């Protein structure tokens, strides 16, 4: 099982600053197994846990490390807000997500369109 970007960053920081998973989990108000689940993407990374992790390392980690943690948390979240989208756009996003969850693949046209709008996104 592969760590999420958040999990990888948190583990790196914990090892660098000699912090156990148990002590960090306690500070976040969750169990060690729940923290592990977040790190592996088995549990949803809620904003309150991402913020708590940031606060946990504040004063210890460098500003660059804290920025990396914030970025990794954003990359690891499964939820994308569509509330600001028009209704037709929300329906398209939902249809696309349902297709992917059902094991379908985007068409070549869709991949080409995505690549034209977000060059290099397939490499990530």
N, C-alpha and C. Protein backbone atom coordinates (compact mmCIF):
# COMPACT_ATOMS: atom_id res chain seq x y z
N UNK A 1 0.84 -1.17 0.00
CA UNK A 1 0.00 0.00 0.00
C UNK A 1 0.89 1.24 0.00
N UNK A 2 0.50 2.23 -0.77
CA UNK A 2 1.32 3.42 -0.93
C UNK A 2 0.79 4.57 -0.07
N UNK A 3 1.69 5.28 0.53
CA UNK A 3 1.32 6.45 1.33
C UNK A 3 0.78 7.56 0.43
N UNK A 4 -0.15 8.34 0.96
CA UNK A 4 -0.61 9.53 0.26
C UNK A 4 0.48 10.60 0.37
N UNK A 5 0.40 11.67 -0.42
CA UNK A 5 1.37 12.75 -0.24
C UNK A 5 1.38 13.28 1.20
N UNK A 6 0.19 13.40 1.80
CA UNK A 6 0.10 13.84 3.18
C UNK A 6 0.80 12.84 4.10
N UNK A 7 0.52 11.56 3.93
CA UNK A 7 1.13 10.53 4.76
C UNK A 7 2.64 10.51 4.66
N UNK A 8 3.13 10.64 3.44
CA UNK A 8 4.58 10.65 3.23
C UNK A 8 5.22 11.86 3.91
N UNK A 9 4.60 13.01 3.78
CA UNK A 9 5.14 14.23 4.39
C UNK A 9 5.09 14.16 5.91
N UNK A 10 3.97 13.69 6.44
CA UNK A 10 3.83 13.57 7.90
C UNK A 10 4.88 12.59 8.45
N UNK A 11 5.03 11.46 7.79
CA UNK A 11 6.02 10.48 8.28
C UNK A 11 7.43 11.04 8.22
N UNK A 12 7.74 11.75 7.17
CA UNK A 12 9.07 12.37 7.06
C UNK A 12 9.30 13.33 8.21
N UNK A 13 8.28 14.17 8.49
CA UNK A 13 8.41 15.13 9.60
C UNK A 13 8.50 14.41 10.94
N UNK A 14 7.69 13.37 11.11
CA UNK A 14 7.74 12.64 12.39
C UNK A 14 9.12 12.02 12.60
N UNK A 15 9.69 11.45 11.56
CA UNK A 15 11.01 10.83 11.69
C UNK A 15 12.08 11.91 11.93
N UNK A 16 11.99 13.01 11.21
CA UNK A 16 12.98 14.08 11.35
C UNK A 16 12.97 14.65 12.76
N UNK A 17 11.79 14.77 13.36
CA UNK A 17 11.68 15.40 14.67
C UNK A 17 11.40 14.38 15.78
N UNK A 18 11.64 13.10 15.48
CA UNK A 18 11.55 12.02 16.47
C UNK A 18 10.20 12.04 17.21
N UNK A 19 9.13 12.04 16.44
CA UNK A 19 7.77 12.04 16.99
C UNK A 19 7.13 10.70 16.65
N UNK A 20 6.58 10.04 17.65
CA UNK A 20 5.91 8.77 17.39
C UNK A 20 4.52 9.00 16.80
N UNK A 21 4.05 8.00 16.10
CA UNK A 21 2.70 8.09 15.55
C UNK A 21 1.69 8.23 16.68
N UNK A 22 1.93 7.51 17.76
CA UNK A 22 1.01 7.54 18.90
C UNK A 22 0.90 8.95 19.49
N UNK A 23 2.03 9.62 19.69
CA UNK A 23 1.98 10.96 20.29
C UNK A 23 1.34 11.97 19.35
N UNK A 24 1.59 11.84 18.05
CA UNK A 24 0.96 12.75 17.11
C UNK A 24 -0.55 12.49 17.05
N UNK A 25 -0.93 11.23 17.00
CA UNK A 25 -2.35 10.87 16.96
C UNK A 25 -3.08 11.42 18.19
N UNK A 26 -2.45 11.27 19.35
CA UNK A 26 -3.06 11.80 20.58
C UNK A 26 -3.24 13.31 20.50
N UNK A 27 -2.24 14.01 19.97
CA UNK A 27 -2.33 15.46 19.83
C UNK A 27 -3.45 15.86 18.86
N UNK A 28 -3.70 15.01 17.84
CA UNK A 28 -4.76 15.29 16.88
C UNK A 28 -6.13 14.82 17.39
N UNK A 29 -6.13 14.08 18.50
CA UNK A 29 -7.38 13.60 19.07
C UNK A 29 -7.95 12.39 18.34
N UNK A 30 -7.06 11.59 17.75
CA UNK A 30 -7.48 10.38 17.03
C UNK A 30 -6.58 9.23 17.45
N UNK A 31 -6.96 8.03 17.04
CA UNK A 31 -6.14 6.86 17.35
C UNK A 31 -4.98 6.75 16.36
N UNK A 32 -3.98 5.98 16.75
CA UNK A 32 -2.84 5.74 15.85
C UNK A 32 -3.30 5.04 14.58
N UNK A 33 -4.24 4.11 14.72
CA UNK A 33 -4.71 3.39 13.53
C UNK A 33 -5.48 4.33 12.60
N UNK A 34 -6.20 5.30 13.16
CA UNK A 34 -6.91 6.26 12.31
C UNK A 34 -5.91 7.15 11.57
N UNK A 35 -4.87 7.60 12.27
CA UNK A 35 -3.84 8.41 11.63
C UNK A 35 -3.17 7.61 10.52
N UNK A 36 -2.89 6.35 10.78
CA UNK A 36 -2.30 5.50 9.75
C UNK A 36 -3.24 5.38 8.55
N UNK A 37 -4.54 5.24 8.82
CA UNK A 37 -5.52 5.16 7.74
C UNK A 37 -5.56 6.43 6.90
N UNK A 38 -5.40 7.57 7.54
CA UNK A 38 -5.34 8.84 6.80
C UNK A 38 -4.08 8.87 5.93
N UNK A 39 -2.96 8.44 6.49
CA UNK A 39 -1.70 8.45 5.76
C UNK A 39 -1.75 7.57 4.52
N UNK A 40 -2.47 6.46 4.61
CA UNK A 40 -2.57 5.52 3.48
C UNK A 40 -3.79 5.77 2.60
N UNK A 41 -4.58 6.80 2.90
CA UNK A 41 -5.73 7.11 2.09
C UNK A 41 -6.93 6.21 2.34
N UNK A 42 -6.87 5.42 3.41
CA UNK A 42 -8.00 4.55 3.75
C UNK A 42 -9.08 5.33 4.49
N UNK A 43 -8.70 6.42 5.11
CA UNK A 43 -9.62 7.32 5.82
C UNK A 43 -9.53 8.68 5.16
N UNK A 44 -10.65 9.38 5.14
CA UNK A 44 -10.69 10.71 4.54
C UNK A 44 -9.91 11.71 5.39
N UNK A 45 -9.11 12.50 4.72
CA UNK A 45 -8.35 13.56 5.39
C UNK A 45 -9.25 14.78 5.52
N UNK A 46 -9.82 14.94 6.70
CA UNK A 46 -10.68 16.11 6.96
C UNK A 46 -9.81 17.34 7.19
N UNK A 47 -10.36 18.49 6.88
CA UNK A 47 -9.63 19.75 7.08
C UNK A 47 -9.14 19.88 8.52
N UNK A 48 -9.97 19.46 9.49
CA UNK A 48 -9.57 19.64 10.89
C UNK A 48 -8.32 18.83 11.22
N UNK A 49 -8.12 17.67 10.59
CA UNK A 49 -6.92 16.87 10.85
C UNK A 49 -5.71 17.45 10.11
N UNK A 50 -5.92 17.96 8.90
CA UNK A 50 -4.83 18.61 8.18
C UNK A 50 -4.37 19.85 8.94
N UNK A 51 -5.34 20.64 9.43
CA UNK A 51 -5.01 21.84 10.20
C UNK A 51 -4.32 21.48 11.52
N UNK A 52 -4.81 20.41 12.16
CA UNK A 52 -4.21 19.98 13.43
C UNK A 52 -2.78 19.49 13.23
N UNK A 53 -2.53 18.81 12.12
CA UNK A 53 -1.17 18.35 11.82
C UNK A 53 -0.25 19.54 11.59
N UNK A 54 -0.76 20.53 10.88
CA UNK A 54 0.02 21.76 10.64
C UNK A 54 0.35 22.43 11.97
N UNK A 55 -0.66 22.56 12.83
CA UNK A 55 -0.45 23.18 14.15
C UNK A 55 0.51 22.36 15.00
N UNK A 56 0.43 21.04 14.88
CA UNK A 56 1.29 20.15 15.65
C UNK A 56 2.76 20.41 15.34
N UNK A 57 3.08 20.65 14.06
CA UNK A 57 4.47 20.85 13.67
C UNK A 57 4.91 22.31 13.67
N UNK A 58 3.96 23.23 13.88
CA UNK A 58 4.31 24.64 13.94
C UNK A 58 5.24 24.88 15.12
N UNK A 59 6.27 25.67 14.91
CA UNK A 59 7.23 25.93 15.96
C UNK A 59 8.36 24.90 15.99
N UNK A 60 8.16 23.79 15.29
CA UNK A 60 9.19 22.75 15.20
C UNK A 60 9.74 22.68 13.78
N UNK A 61 8.83 22.52 12.84
CA UNK A 61 9.21 22.39 11.43
C UNK A 61 9.51 23.76 10.83
N UNK A 62 10.29 23.76 9.78
CA UNK A 62 10.63 25.00 9.08
C UNK A 62 9.41 25.50 8.30
N UNK A 63 9.40 26.77 7.94
CA UNK A 63 8.30 27.28 7.11
C UNK A 63 8.15 26.51 5.79
N UNK A 64 9.27 26.08 5.21
CA UNK A 64 9.21 25.31 3.97
C UNK A 64 8.56 23.96 4.20
N UNK A 65 8.90 23.31 5.32
CA UNK A 65 8.30 22.02 5.64
C UNK A 65 6.79 22.16 5.91
N UNK A 66 6.41 23.24 6.58
CA UNK A 66 4.99 23.48 6.85
C UNK A 66 4.23 23.73 5.54
N UNK A 67 4.87 24.44 4.63
CA UNK A 67 4.24 24.68 3.32
C UNK A 67 4.10 23.38 2.55
N UNK A 68 5.11 22.52 2.62
CA UNK A 68 5.04 21.20 1.97
C UNK A 68 3.91 20.37 2.55
N UNK A 69 3.74 20.44 3.88
CA UNK A 69 2.67 19.71 4.55
C UNK A 69 1.30 20.20 4.08
N UNK A 70 1.16 21.50 3.97
CA UNK A 70 -0.10 22.09 3.52
C UNK A 70 -0.40 21.66 2.08
N UNK A 71 0.61 21.70 1.24
CA UNK A 71 0.45 21.29 -0.16
C UNK A 71 0.11 19.79 -0.25
N UNK A 72 0.79 18.98 0.54
CA UNK A 72 0.55 17.54 0.53
C UNK A 72 -0.87 17.22 0.99
N UNK A 73 -1.36 17.96 1.98
CA UNK A 73 -2.73 17.76 2.46
C UNK A 73 -3.72 18.06 1.34
N UNK A 74 -3.49 19.15 0.62
CA UNK A 74 -4.39 19.50 -0.48
C UNK A 74 -4.39 18.43 -1.56
N UNK A 75 -3.23 17.85 -1.82
CA UNK A 75 -3.12 16.80 -2.83
C UNK A 75 -3.81 15.51 -2.39
N UNK A 76 -3.89 15.29 -1.09
CA UNK A 76 -4.40 14.03 -0.57
C UNK A 76 -5.91 14.00 -0.33
N UNK A 77 -6.54 15.13 -0.43
CA UNK A 77 -7.98 15.17 -0.17
C UNK A 77 -8.74 14.59 -1.35
N UNK A 78 -9.74 13.80 -1.03
CA UNK A 78 -10.56 13.17 -2.06
C UNK A 78 -11.70 14.06 -2.51
N UNK A 79 -12.04 15.03 -1.71
CA UNK A 79 -13.21 15.84 -1.97
C UNK A 79 -12.82 17.09 -2.76
N UNK A 80 -13.56 17.34 -3.81
CA UNK A 80 -13.39 18.55 -4.60
C UNK A 80 -14.71 19.29 -4.56
N UNK A 81 -14.68 20.51 -4.10
CA UNK A 81 -15.91 21.29 -4.01
C UNK A 81 -16.38 21.69 -5.40
N UNK A 82 -17.64 21.42 -5.68
CA UNK A 82 -18.23 21.82 -6.95
C UNK A 82 -19.34 22.84 -6.74
N UNK A 83 -19.46 23.34 -5.52
CA UNK A 83 -20.56 24.24 -5.19
C UNK A 83 -20.54 25.53 -6.01
N UNK A 84 -19.39 25.97 -6.44
CA UNK A 84 -19.31 27.22 -7.20
C UNK A 84 -19.58 27.01 -8.69
N UNK A 85 -19.70 25.75 -9.11
CA UNK A 85 -19.94 25.46 -10.52
C UNK A 85 -21.41 25.64 -10.88
N UNK A 86 -21.65 25.91 -12.13
CA UNK A 86 -23.02 25.98 -12.64
C UNK A 86 -23.63 24.58 -12.58
N UNK A 87 -24.97 24.48 -12.51
CA UNK A 87 -25.62 23.16 -12.42
C UNK A 87 -25.22 22.19 -13.52
N UNK A 88 -25.11 22.66 -14.76
CA UNK A 88 -24.71 21.76 -15.85
C UNK A 88 -23.29 21.22 -15.63
N UNK A 89 -22.40 22.07 -15.15
CA UNK A 89 -21.02 21.64 -14.89
C UNK A 89 -20.99 20.62 -13.75
N UNK A 90 -21.80 20.84 -12.70
CA UNK A 90 -21.87 19.88 -11.59
C UNK A 90 -22.35 18.53 -12.08
N UNK A 91 -23.34 18.51 -12.97
CA UNK A 91 -23.83 17.23 -13.52
C UNK A 91 -22.74 16.52 -14.31
N UNK A 92 -21.98 17.28 -15.08
CA UNK A 92 -20.89 16.68 -15.85
C UNK A 92 -19.82 16.07 -14.93
N UNK A 93 -19.46 16.79 -13.89
CA UNK A 93 -18.47 16.28 -12.93
C UNK A 93 -18.98 15.00 -12.29
N UNK A 94 -20.24 15.00 -11.87
CA UNK A 94 -20.82 13.82 -11.23
C UNK A 94 -20.86 12.64 -12.21
N UNK A 95 -21.25 12.89 -13.45
CA UNK A 95 -21.31 11.81 -14.45
C UNK A 95 -19.91 11.24 -14.71
N UNK A 96 -18.93 12.12 -14.79
CA UNK A 96 -17.56 11.68 -15.03
C UNK A 96 -17.06 10.83 -13.86
N UNK A 97 -17.33 11.30 -12.63
CA UNK A 97 -16.90 10.55 -11.44
C UNK A 97 -17.59 9.19 -11.38
N UNK A 98 -18.89 9.13 -11.67
CA UNK A 98 -19.60 7.85 -11.65
C UNK A 98 -19.01 6.88 -12.67
N UNK A 99 -18.67 7.40 -13.83
CA UNK A 99 -18.09 6.55 -14.88
C UNK A 99 -16.75 5.96 -14.42
N UNK A 100 -15.92 6.79 -13.81
CA UNK A 100 -14.61 6.32 -13.34
C UNK A 100 -14.77 5.32 -12.19
N UNK A 101 -15.70 5.59 -11.27
CA UNK A 101 -15.92 4.67 -10.15
C UNK A 101 -16.43 3.33 -10.63
N UNK A 102 -17.17 3.31 -11.73
CA UNK A 102 -17.71 2.06 -12.27
C UNK A 102 -16.67 1.32 -13.10
N UNK A 103 -15.47 1.86 -13.18
CA UNK A 103 -14.40 1.19 -13.92
C UNK A 103 -14.26 1.65 -15.35
N UNK A 104 -15.09 2.60 -15.75
CA UNK A 104 -14.99 3.14 -17.10
C UNK A 104 -13.78 4.02 -17.24
N UNK A 105 -13.41 4.26 -18.46
CA UNK A 105 -12.24 5.11 -18.73
C UNK A 105 -12.69 6.32 -19.54
N UNK A 106 -12.05 7.44 -19.36
CA UNK A 106 -12.37 8.60 -20.19
C UNK A 106 -12.04 8.30 -21.65
N UNK A 107 -12.81 8.87 -22.53
CA UNK A 107 -12.57 8.67 -23.96
C UNK A 107 -11.26 9.36 -24.36
N UNK A 108 -10.76 9.00 -25.54
CA UNK A 108 -9.57 9.65 -26.07
C UNK A 108 -9.82 11.16 -26.22
N UNK A 109 -11.02 11.51 -26.66
CA UNK A 109 -11.36 12.92 -26.82
C UNK A 109 -11.29 13.66 -25.49
N UNK A 110 -11.80 13.02 -24.42
CA UNK A 110 -11.77 13.65 -23.10
C UNK A 110 -10.32 13.81 -22.63
N UNK A 111 -9.52 12.76 -22.80
CA UNK A 111 -8.10 12.86 -22.41
C UNK A 111 -7.39 13.95 -23.20
N UNK A 112 -7.67 14.04 -24.50
CA UNK A 112 -7.05 15.07 -25.33
C UNK A 112 -7.47 16.46 -24.86
N UNK A 113 -8.76 16.63 -24.54
CA UNK A 113 -9.26 17.91 -24.06
C UNK A 113 -8.60 18.29 -22.74
N UNK A 114 -8.53 17.31 -21.80
CA UNK A 114 -7.89 17.57 -20.51
C UNK A 114 -6.43 17.97 -20.69
N UNK A 115 -5.75 17.26 -21.57
CA UNK A 115 -4.34 17.57 -21.82
C UNK A 115 -4.18 18.97 -22.43
N UNK A 116 -5.13 19.38 -23.27
CA UNK A 116 -5.04 20.72 -23.88
C UNK A 116 -5.27 21.81 -22.84
N UNK A 117 -6.12 21.52 -21.83
CA UNK A 117 -6.42 22.51 -20.79
C UNK A 117 -5.40 22.50 -19.66
N UNK A 118 -4.83 21.31 -19.39
CA UNK A 118 -3.88 21.15 -18.27
C UNK A 118 -2.66 20.38 -18.76
N UNK A 119 -1.82 21.00 -19.58
CA UNK A 119 -0.66 20.31 -20.15
C UNK A 119 0.22 19.67 -19.08
N UNK A 120 0.64 18.46 -19.33
CA UNK A 120 1.53 17.77 -18.42
C UNK A 120 0.83 17.10 -17.25
N UNK A 121 -0.50 17.19 -17.17
CA UNK A 121 -1.21 16.62 -16.03
C UNK A 121 -1.17 15.10 -16.02
N UNK A 122 -0.97 14.47 -17.17
CA UNK A 122 -0.90 13.01 -17.22
C UNK A 122 0.37 12.48 -16.58
N UNK A 123 1.39 13.32 -16.48
CA UNK A 123 2.67 12.90 -15.89
C UNK A 123 2.63 12.85 -14.38
N UNK A 124 1.59 13.39 -13.75
CA UNK A 124 1.54 13.52 -12.30
C UNK A 124 0.80 12.39 -11.68
